[in-house]
Structure formats: structure tokens, C-alpha cells
Amino acid sequence: MEPTLSVEQRGSDVVGGNVRGALHTIHKKEEFINMTLAVLMTPEWKVYG
């Protein structure tokens, strides 16, 4: 959120609005993102190189 405020203070409301929109979307999908990461971190999904 701090980078958003910094950009907006410099006069780029469009960029600030885009960042806020992206953060809002991530927040709405947070539970799904966390579940997906948990699945990908299971031993069956780990890639050993």
C-alpha cells in the first residue's frame, strides 16, 4: 500500500488506481491463493533439481 500512496503523491492517480485495483483483487482471492500454494508445497508437487 505504501508504494501506491507514494505514486499517488507524485501525481499519477491512474497508476495508483491500477495498483489499488490489483491489491483489491488479490485480497478477494486470498483464500484461493493460499489453498493453491499449500497444495503446490506438498511433497507430490515439489520439483527436485
C-alpha atoms as a PDB file:
ATOM      1  CA  MET A   1       0.000   0.000   0.000  1.00  0.00           C
ATOM      2  CA  GLU A   2       2.886   2.396   0.686  1.00  0.00           C
ATOM      3  CA  PRO A   3       4.094   2.336  -2.931  1.00  0.00           C
ATOM      4  CA  THR A   4       0.547   3.217  -4.009  1.00  0.00           C
ATOM      5  CA  LEU A   5       0.480   6.275  -1.767  1.00  0.00           C
ATOM      6  CA  SER A   6       3.928   7.307  -2.964  1.00  0.00           C
ATOM      7  CA  VAL A   7       2.885   7.098  -6.624  1.00  0.00           C
ATOM      8  CA  GLU A   8      -0.351   8.984  -5.973  1.00  0.00           C
ATOM      9  CA  GLN A   9       1.504  11.747  -4.125  1.00  0.00           C
ATOM     10  CA  ARG A  10       3.652  12.227  -7.210  1.00  0.00           C
ATOM     11  CA  GLY A  11       0.539  12.842  -9.270  1.00  0.00           C
ATOM     12  CA  SER A  12      -0.055   9.512 -11.001  1.00  0.00           C
ATOM     13  CA  ASP A  13      -3.623   8.745  -9.981  1.00  0.00           C
ATOM     14  CA  VAL A  14      -4.075   6.273 -12.857  1.00  0.00           C
ATOM     15  CA  VAL A  15      -1.168   4.102 -11.717  1.00  0.00           C
ATOM     16  CA  GLY A  16      -2.309   4.390  -8.101  1.00  0.00           C
ATOM     17  CA  GLY A  17      -5.799   3.302  -9.102  1.00  0.00           C
ATOM     18  CA  ASN A  18      -4.416   0.330 -11.010  1.00  0.00           C
ATOM     19  CA  VAL A  19      -2.325  -0.761  -8.024  1.00  0.00           C
ATOM     20  CA  ARG A  20      -5.308  -0.388  -5.695  1.00  0.00           C
ATOM     21  CA  GLY A  21      -7.420  -2.474  -8.064  1.00  0.00           C
ATOM     22  CA  ALA A  22      -4.786  -5.201  -8.200  1.00  0.00           C
ATOM     23  CA  LEU A  23      -4.440  -5.263  -4.406  1.00  0.00           C
ATOM     24  CA  HIS A  24      -8.221  -5.445  -4.048  1.00  0.00           C
ATOM     25  CA  THR A  25      -8.384  -8.418  -6.428  1.00  0.00           C
ATOM     26  CA  ILE A  26      -5.575 -10.216  -4.587  1.00  0.00           C
ATOM     27  CA  HIS A  27      -7.372  -9.619  -1.291  1.00  0.00           C
ATOM     28  CA  LYS A  28     -10.630 -11.053  -2.690  1.00  0.00           C
ATOM     29  CA  LYS A  29      -8.771 -14.161  -3.956  1.00  0.00           C
ATOM     30  CA  GLU A  30      -6.525 -14.551  -0.897  1.00  0.00           C
ATOM     31  CA  GLU A  31      -8.139 -17.754   0.385  1.00  0.00           C
ATOM     32  CA  PHE A  32      -7.880 -19.444  -3.026  1.00  0.00           C
ATOM     33  CA  ILE A  33      -4.266 -18.284  -3.439  1.00  0.00           C
ATOM     34  CA  ASN A  34      -3.333 -19.674  -0.016  1.00  0.00           C
ATOM     35  CA  MET A  35      -5.015 -23.029  -0.732  1.00  0.00           C
ATOM     36  CA  THR A  36      -3.252 -23.278  -4.094  1.00  0.00           C
ATOM     37  CA  LEU A  37       0.131 -22.506  -2.546  1.00  0.00           C
ATOM     38  CA  ALA A  38      -0.485 -25.105   0.175  1.00  0.00           C
ATOM     39  CA  VAL A  39      -1.197 -27.754  -2.465  1.00  0.00           C
ATOM     40  CA  LEU A  40       1.846 -26.782  -4.505  1.00  0.00           C
ATOM     41  CA  MET A  41       4.053 -27.052  -1.419  1.00  0.00           C
ATOM     42  CA  THR A  42       3.078 -30.683  -0.753  1.00  0.00           C
ATOM     43  CA  PRO A  43       5.784 -33.267  -1.490  1.00  0.00           C
ATOM     44  CA  GLU A  44       3.895 -34.578  -4.533  1.00  0.00           C
ATOM     45  CA  TRP A  45       4.191 -31.184  -6.261  1.00  0.00           C
ATOM     46  CA  LYS A  46       7.757 -30.254  -5.342  1.00  0.00           C
ATOM     47  CA  VAL A  47      10.288 -30.365  -8.140  1.00  0.00           C
ATOM     48  CA  TYR A  48      13.710 -31.560  -7.169  1.00  0.00           C
ATOM     49  CA  GLY A  49      16.510 -30.483  -9.434  1.00  0.00           C
END
